[in-house]
Amino acid sequence: MSTTTRTLEQAISAIRALPERAQDSIGQSMLAAARQHRKLNEELSEAELQLDAGEGIPAEEVLADLKERHGI
């Protein structure tokens, strides 16, 4: 198990001083962010394995798709 960073310890300490409702709200947001982060890391790991295997989409296609969908 990893240790908690100083920044996270400071945040938890500050959150403990808040009313319960605020603690619960922040806790739910933190859990959602942690789940999202874990999912993203899993997707990136899978993508890296695919690229290492020679699979994937050429960068030109990715950029064209981004331009079309997001106007980038």
PDB file of N, CA and C in Angstrom:
ATOM      1  N   MET A   1       0.848  -1.187   0.000  1.00  0.00           N
ATOM      2  CA  MET A   1       0.000   0.000   0.000  1.00  0.00           C
ATOM      3  C   MET A   1       0.887   1.243   0.000  1.00  0.00           C
ATOM      4  N   SER A   2       0.504   2.212  -0.788  1.00  0.00           N
ATOM      5  CA  SER A   2       1.295   3.433  -0.872  1.00  0.00           C
ATOM      6  C   SER A   2       0.959   4.380   0.273  1.00  0.00           C
ATOM      7  N   THR A   3       1.860   5.308   0.500  1.00  0.00           N
ATOM      8  CA  THR A   3       1.633   6.300   1.540  1.00  0.00           C
ATOM      9  C   THR A   3       0.825   7.461   0.981  1.00  0.00           C
ATOM     10  N   THR A   4       0.193   8.186   1.851  1.00  0.00           N
ATOM     11  CA  THR A   4      -0.591   9.352   1.450  1.00  0.00           C
ATOM     12  C   THR A   4       0.346  10.547   1.308  1.00  0.00           C
ATOM     13  N   THR A   5       0.162  11.305   0.243  1.00  0.00           N
ATOM     14  CA  THR A   5       1.011  12.477   0.038  1.00  0.00           C
ATOM     15  C   THR A   5       0.678  13.564   1.058  1.00  0.00           C
ATOM     16  N   ARG A   6       1.624  14.443   1.233  1.00  0.00           N
ATOM     17  CA  ARG A   6       1.422  15.546   2.174  1.00  0.00           C
ATOM     18  C   ARG A   6       0.240  16.419   1.746  1.00  0.00           C
ATOM     19  N   THR A   7       0.129  16.651   0.453  1.00  0.00           N
ATOM     20  CA  THR A   7      -0.960  17.483  -0.057  1.00  0.00           C
ATOM     21  C   THR A   7      -2.317  16.853   0.248  1.00  0.00           C
ATOM     22  N   LEU A   8      -2.436  15.535   0.027  1.00  0.00           N
ATOM     23  CA  LEU A   8      -3.700  14.870   0.323  1.00  0.00           C
ATOM     24  C   LEU A   8      -3.999  14.903   1.818  1.00  0.00           C
ATOM     25  N   GLU A   9      -2.983  14.705   2.645  1.00  0.00           N
ATOM     26  CA  GLU A   9      -3.175  14.781   4.100  1.00  0.00           C
ATOM     27  C   GLU A   9      -3.673  16.171   4.505  1.00  0.00           C
ATOM     28  N   GLN A  10      -3.108  17.218   3.900  1.00  0.00           N
ATOM     29  CA  GLN A  10      -3.541  18.584   4.204  1.00  0.00           C
ATOM     30  C   GLN A  10      -4.994  18.787   3.784  1.00  0.00           C
ATOM     31  N   ALA A  11      -5.347  18.268   2.604  1.00  0.00           N
ATOM     32  CA  ALA A  11      -6.721  18.410   2.121  1.00  0.00           C
ATOM     33  C   ALA A  11      -7.694  17.694   3.043  1.00  0.00           C
ATOM     34  N   ILE A  12      -7.353  16.480   3.445  1.00  0.00           N
ATOM     35  CA  ILE A  12      -8.232  15.713   4.333  1.00  0.00           C
ATOM     36  C   ILE A  12      -8.390  16.422   5.668  1.00  0.00           C
ATOM     37  N   SER A  13      -7.308  16.967   6.166  1.00  0.00           N
ATOM     38  CA  SER A  13      -7.363  17.708   7.425  1.00  0.00           C
ATOM     39  C   SER A  13      -8.303  18.911   7.309  1.00  0.00           C
ATOM     40  N   ALA A  14      -8.210  19.638   6.208  1.00  0.00           N
ATOM     41  CA  ALA A  14      -9.077  20.802   6.001  1.00  0.00           C
ATOM     42  C   ALA A  14     -10.534  20.368   5.848  1.00  0.00           C
ATOM     43  N   ILE A  15     -10.754  19.254   5.173  1.00  0.00           N
ATOM     44  CA  ILE A  15     -12.118  18.761   4.962  1.00  0.00           C
ATOM     45  C   ILE A  15     -12.750  18.314   6.274  1.00  0.00           C
ATOM     46  N   ARG A  16     -11.943  17.727   7.162  1.00  0.00           N
ATOM     47  CA  ARG A  16     -12.467  17.272   8.464  1.00  0.00           C
ATOM     48  C   ARG A  16     -13.057  18.418   9.273  1.00  0.00           C
ATOM     49  N   ALA A  17     -12.593  19.629   9.030  1.00  0.00           N
ATOM     50  CA  ALA A  17     -13.073  20.792   9.779  1.00  0.00           C
ATOM     51  C   ALA A  17     -14.419  21.297   9.263  1.00  0.00           C
ATOM     52  N   LEU A  18     -14.876  20.759   8.147  1.00  0.00           N
ATOM     53  CA  LEU A  18     -16.133  21.202   7.547  1.00  0.00           C
ATOM     54  C   LEU A  18     -17.317  20.429   8.116  1.00  0.00           C
ATOM     55  N   PRO A  19     -18.528  20.954   7.921  1.00  0.00           N
ATOM     56  CA  PRO A  19     -19.726  20.218   8.334  1.00  0.00           C
ATOM     57  C   PRO A  19     -19.841  18.893   7.571  1.00  0.00           C
ATOM     58  N   GLU A  20     -20.560  17.935   8.170  1.00  0.00           N
ATOM     59  CA  GLU A  20     -20.691  16.598   7.576  1.00  0.00           C
ATOM     60  C   GLU A  20     -21.194  16.620   6.140  1.00  0.00           C
ATOM     61  N   ARG A  21     -22.192  17.458   5.868  1.00  0.00           N
ATOM     62  CA  ARG A  21     -22.740  17.495   4.507  1.00  0.00           C
ATOM     63  C   ARG A  21     -21.677  17.902   3.495  1.00  0.00           C
ATOM     64  N   ALA A  22     -20.865  18.872   3.868  1.00  0.00           N
ATOM     65  CA  ALA A  22     -19.791  19.311   2.979  1.00  0.00           C
ATOM     66  C   ALA A  22     -18.744  18.205   2.830  1.00  0.00           C
ATOM     67  N   GLN A  23     -18.433  17.521   3.931  1.00  0.00           N
ATOM     68  CA  GLN A  23     -17.482  16.409   3.864  1.00  0.00           C
ATOM     69  C   GLN A  23     -17.987  15.329   2.914  1.00  0.00           C
ATOM     70  N   ASP A  24     -19.265  14.978   3.037  1.00  0.00           N
ATOM     71  CA  ASP A  24     -19.842  13.955   2.162  1.00  0.00           C
ATOM     72  C   ASP A  24     -19.805  14.379   0.704  1.00  0.00           C
ATOM     73  N   SER A  25     -20.143  15.618   0.443  1.00  0.00           N
ATOM     74  CA  SER A  25     -20.134  16.120  -0.930  1.00  0.00           C
ATOM     75  C   SER A  25     -18.730  16.068  -1.522  1.00  0.00           C
ATOM     76  N   ILE A  26     -17.759  16.540  -0.767  1.00  0.00           N
ATOM     77  CA  ILE A  26     -16.381  16.524  -1.236  1.00  0.00           C
ATOM     78  C   ILE A  26     -15.896  15.088  -1.378  1.00  0.00           C
ATOM     79  N   GLY A  27     -16.263  14.238  -0.428  1.00  0.00           N
ATOM     80  CA  GLY A  27     -15.874  12.835  -0.502  1.00  0.00           C
ATOM     81  C   GLY A  27     -16.406  12.162  -1.758  1.00  0.00           C
ATOM     82  N   GLN A  28     -17.657  12.429  -2.110  1.00  0.00           N
ATOM     83  CA  GLN A  28     -18.240  11.868  -3.333  1.00  0.00           C
ATOM     84  C   GLN A  28     -17.496  12.369  -4.571  1.00  0.00           C
ATOM     85  N   SER A  29     -17.139  13.643  -4.566  1.00  0.00           N
ATOM     86  CA  SER A  29     -16.383  14.203  -5.697  1.00  0.00           C
ATOM     87  C   SER A  29     -15.000  13.564  -5.799  1.00  0.00           C
ATOM     88  N   MET A  30     -14.380  13.348  -4.661  1.00  0.00           N
ATOM     89  CA  MET A  30     -13.056  12.721  -4.660  1.00  0.00           C
ATOM     90  C   MET A  30     -13.127  11.282  -5.164  1.00  0.00           C
ATOM     91  N   LEU A  31     -14.145  10.541  -4.733  1.00  0.00           N
ATOM     92  CA  LEU A  31     -14.313   9.164  -5.203  1.00  0.00           C
ATOM     93  C   LEU A  31     -14.545   9.119  -6.712  1.00  0.00           C
ATOM     94  N   ALA A  32     -15.373  10.023  -7.201  1.00  0.00           N
ATOM     95  CA  ALA A  32     -15.644  10.072  -8.645  1.00  0.00           C
ATOM     96  C   ALA A  32     -14.359  10.389  -9.411  1.00  0.00           C
ATOM     97  N   ALA A  33     -13.581  11.329  -8.906  1.00  0.00           N
ATOM     98  CA  ALA A  33     -12.324  11.694  -9.567  1.00  0.00           C
ATOM     99  C   ALA A  33     -11.347  10.518  -9.542  1.00  0.00           C
ATOM    100  N   ALA A  34     -11.284   9.801  -8.426  1.00  0.00           N
ATOM    101  CA  ALA A  34     -10.380   8.655  -8.322  1.00  0.00           C
ATOM    102  C   ALA A  34     -10.788   7.556  -9.296  1.00  0.00           C
ATOM    103  N   ARG A  35     -12.094   7.300  -9.411  1.00  0.00           N
ATOM    104  CA  ARG A  35     -12.575   6.289 -10.356  1.00  0.00           C
ATOM    105  C   ARG A  35     -12.261   6.691 -11.789  1.00  0.00           C
ATOM    106  N   GLN A  36     -12.465   7.959 -12.096  1.00  0.00           N
ATOM    107  CA  GLN A  36     -12.196   8.467 -13.439  1.00  0.00           C
ATOM    108  C   GLN A  36     -10.701   8.362 -13.752  1.00  0.00           C
ATOM    109  N   HIS A  37      -9.875   8.680 -12.793  1.00  0.00           N
ATOM    110  CA  HIS A  37      -8.427   8.608 -12.964  1.00  0.00           C
ATOM    111  C   HIS A  37      -7.991   7.164 -13.189  1.00  0.00           C
ATOM    112  N   ARG A  38      -8.531   6.244 -12.396  1.00  0.00           N
ATOM    113  CA  ARG A  38      -8.185   4.832 -12.549  1.00  0.00           C
ATOM    114  C   ARG A  38      -8.590   4.321 -13.930  1.00  0.00           C
ATOM    115  N   LYS A  39      -9.793   4.692 -14.375  1.00  0.00           N
ATOM    116  CA  LYS A  39     -10.277   4.250 -15.680  1.00  0.00           C
ATOM    117  C   LYS A  39      -9.387   4.798 -16.797  1.00  0.00           C
ATOM    118  N   LEU A  40      -9.026   6.056 -16.704  1.00  0.00           N
ATOM    119  CA  LEU A  40      -8.162   6.662 -17.706  1.00  0.00           C
ATOM    120  C   LEU A  40      -6.810   5.960 -17.760  1.00  0.00           C
ATOM    121  N   ASN A  41      -6.239   5.664 -16.586  1.00  0.00           N
ATOM    122  CA  ASN A  41      -4.963   4.958 -16.557  1.00  0.00           C
ATOM    123  C   ASN A  41      -5.073   3.581 -17.190  1.00  0.00           C
ATOM    124  N   GLU A  42      -6.184   2.884 -16.941  1.00  0.00           N
ATOM    125  CA  GLU A  42      -6.388   1.573 -17.557  1.00  0.00           C
ATOM    126  C   GLU A  42      -6.479   1.699 -19.078  1.00  0.00           C
ATOM    127  N   GLU A  43      -7.206   2.706 -19.551  1.00  0.00           N
ATOM    128  CA  GLU A  43      -7.355   2.913 -20.987  1.00  0.00           C
ATOM    129  C   GLU A  43      -6.016   3.274 -21.628  1.00  0.00           C
ATOM    130  N   LEU A  44      -5.231   4.088 -20.953  1.00  0.00           N
ATOM    131  CA  LEU A  44      -3.920   4.464 -21.482  1.00  0.00           C
ATOM    132  C   LEU A  44      -2.984   3.253 -21.528  1.00  0.00           C
ATOM    133  N   SER A  45      -3.040   2.414 -20.510  1.00  0.00           N
ATOM    134  CA  SER A  45      -2.207   1.208 -20.502  1.00  0.00           C
ATOM    135  C   SER A  45      -2.585   0.286 -21.654  1.00  0.00           C
ATOM    136  N   GLU A  46      -3.891   0.139 -21.876  1.00  0.00           N
ATOM    137  CA  GLU A  46      -4.364  -0.695 -22.976  1.00  0.00           C
ATOM    138  C   GLU A  46      -3.926  -0.118 -24.322  1.00  0.00           C
ATOM    139  N   ALA A  47      -4.037   1.184 -24.465  1.00  0.00           N
ATOM    140  CA  ALA A  47      -3.629   1.837 -25.710  1.00  0.00           C
ATOM    141  C   ALA A  47      -2.131   1.675 -25.946  1.00  0.00           C
ATOM    142  N   GLU A  48      -1.353   1.775 -24.892  1.00  0.00           N
ATOM    143  CA  GLU A  48       0.098   1.608 -25.020  1.00  0.00           C
ATOM    144  C   GLU A  48       0.433   0.193 -25.494  1.00  0.00           C
ATOM    145  N   LEU A  49      -0.259  -0.802 -24.945  1.00  0.00           N
ATOM    146  CA  LEU A  49      -0.046  -2.184 -25.384  1.00  0.00           C
ATOM    147  C   LEU A  49      -0.403  -2.347 -26.856  1.00  0.00           C
ATOM    148  N   GLN A  50      -1.492  -1.714 -27.290  1.00  0.00           N
ATOM    149  CA  GLN A  50      -1.906  -1.799 -28.689  1.00  0.00           C
ATOM    150  C   GLN A  50      -0.872  -1.147 -29.601  1.00  0.00           C
ATOM    151  N   LEU A  51      -0.361   0.006 -29.190  1.00  0.00           N
ATOM    152  CA  LEU A  51       0.654   0.681 -30.000  1.00  0.00           C
ATOM    153  C   LEU A  51       1.934  -0.143 -30.076  1.00  0.00           C
ATOM    154  N   ASP A  52       2.315  -0.734 -28.943  1.00  0.00           N
ATOM    155  CA  ASP A  52       3.511  -1.584 -28.936  1.00  0.00           C
ATOM    156  C   ASP A  52       3.344  -2.784 -29.855  1.00  0.00           C
ATOM    157  N   ALA A  53       2.093  -3.229 -30.040  1.00  0.00           N
ATOM    158  CA  ALA A  53       1.817  -4.374 -30.912  1.00  0.00           C
ATOM    159  C   ALA A  53       1.645  -3.948 -32.369  1.00  0.00           C
ATOM    160  N   GLY A  54       1.827  -2.651 -32.644  1.00  0.00           N
ATOM    161  CA  GLY A  54       1.699  -2.168 -34.014  1.00  0.00           C
ATOM    162  C   GLY A  54       0.278  -1.846 -34.413  1.00  0.00           C
ATOM    163  N   GLU A  55      -0.615  -1.858 -33.460  1.00  0.00           N
ATOM    164  CA  GLU A  55      -2.010  -1.510 -33.735  1.00  0.00           C
ATOM    165  C   GLU A  55      -2.192  -0.023 -33.467  1.00  0.00           C
ATOM    166  N   GLY A  56      -3.281   0.505 -33.915  1.00  0.00           N
ATOM    167  CA  GLY A  56      -3.571   1.897 -33.616  1.00  0.00           C
ATOM    168  C   GLY A  56      -4.018   2.657 -34.841  1.00  0.00           C
ATOM    169  N   ILE A  57      -4.326   3.915 -34.619  1.00  0.00           N
ATOM    170  CA  ILE A  57      -4.815   4.797 -35.673  1.00  0.00           C
ATOM    171  C   ILE A  57      -3.712   5.806 -35.976  1.00  0.00           C
ATOM    172  N   PRO A  58      -3.418   6.038 -37.248  1.00  0.00           N
ATOM    173  CA  PRO A  58      -2.397   7.034 -37.593  1.00  0.00           C
ATOM    174  C   PRO A  58      -2.750   8.415 -37.031  1.00  0.00           C
ATOM    175  N   ALA A  59      -1.732   9.143 -36.627  1.00  0.00           N
ATOM    176  CA  ALA A  59      -1.922  10.457 -36.012  1.00  0.00           C
ATOM    177  C   ALA A  59      -2.743  11.395 -36.897  1.00  0.00           C
ATOM    178  N   GLU A  60      -2.551  11.306 -38.210  1.00  0.00           N
ATOM    179  CA  GLU A  60      -3.288  12.181 -39.122  1.00  0.00           C
ATOM    180  C   GLU A  60      -4.796  11.955 -39.005  1.00  0.00           C
ATOM    181  N   GLU A  61      -5.198  10.697 -38.854  1.00  0.00           N
ATOM    182  CA  GLU A  61      -6.629  10.383 -38.708  1.00  0.00           C
ATOM    183  C   GLU A  61      -7.165  10.897 -37.380  1.00  0.00           C
ATOM    184  N   VAL A  62      -6.377  10.753 -36.332  1.00  0.00           N
ATOM    185  CA  VAL A  62      -6.804  11.238 -35.010  1.00  0.00           C
ATOM    186  C   VAL A  62      -6.987  12.745 -35.040  1.00  0.00           C
ATOM    187  N   LEU A  63      -6.015  13.446 -35.613  1.00  0.00           N
ATOM    188  CA  LEU A  63      -6.104  14.907 -35.675  1.00  0.00           C
ATOM    189  C   LEU A  63      -7.280  15.363 -36.528  1.00  0.00           C
ATOM    190  N   ALA A  64      -7.518  14.687 -37.647  1.00  0.00           N
ATOM    191  CA  ALA A  64      -8.654  15.037 -38.502  1.00  0.00           C
ATOM    192  C   ALA A  64      -9.968  14.833 -37.755  1.00  0.00           C
ATOM    193  N   ASP A  65     -10.058  13.756 -36.986  1.00  0.00           N
ATOM    194  CA  ASP A  65     -11.262  13.501 -36.202  1.00  0.00           C
ATOM    195  C   ASP A  65     -11.473  14.568 -35.142  1.00  0.00           C
ATOM    196  N   LEU A  66     -10.395  14.956 -34.466  1.00  0.00           N
ATOM    197  CA  LEU A  66     -10.495  16.015 -33.441  1.00  0.00           C
ATOM    198  C   LEU A  66     -10.960  17.326 -34.064  1.00  0.00           C
ATOM    199  N   LYS A  67     -10.401  17.663 -35.228  1.00  0.00           N
ATOM    200  CA  LYS A  67     -10.815  18.894 -35.908  1.00  0.00           C
ATOM    201  C   LYS A  67     -12.282  18.860 -36.266  1.00  0.00           C
ATOM    202  N   GLU A  68     -12.738  17.717 -36.760  1.00  0.00           N
ATOM    203  CA  GLU A  68     -14.128  17.586 -37.167  1.00  0.00           C
ATOM    204  C   GLU A  68     -15.080  17.655 -35.970  1.00  0.00           C
ATOM    205  N   ARG A  69     -14.735  16.949 -34.892  1.00  0.00           N
ATOM    206  CA  ARG A  69     -15.638  16.883 -33.740  1.00  0.00           C
ATOM    207  C   ARG A  69     -15.571  18.092 -32.838  1.00  0.00           C
ATOM    208  N   HIS A  70     -14.375  18.707 -32.724  1.00  0.00           N
ATOM    209  CA  HIS A  70     -14.200  19.755 -31.721  1.00  0.00           C
ATOM    210  C   HIS A  70     -13.722  21.082 -32.297  1.00  0.00           C
ATOM    211  N   GLY A  71     -13.516  21.131 -33.583  1.00  0.00           N
ATOM    212  CA  GLY A  71     -13.068  22.377 -34.194  1.00  0.00           C
ATOM    213  C   GLY A  71     -11.664  22.771 -33.780  1.00  0.00           C
ATOM    214  N   ILE A  72     -10.864  21.794 -33.438  1.00  0.00           N
ATOM    215  CA  ILE A  72      -9.486  22.066 -33.005  1.00  0.00           C
ATOM    216  C   ILE A  72      -8.596  22.244 -34.217  1.00  0.00           C
TER     217      ILE A  72
END
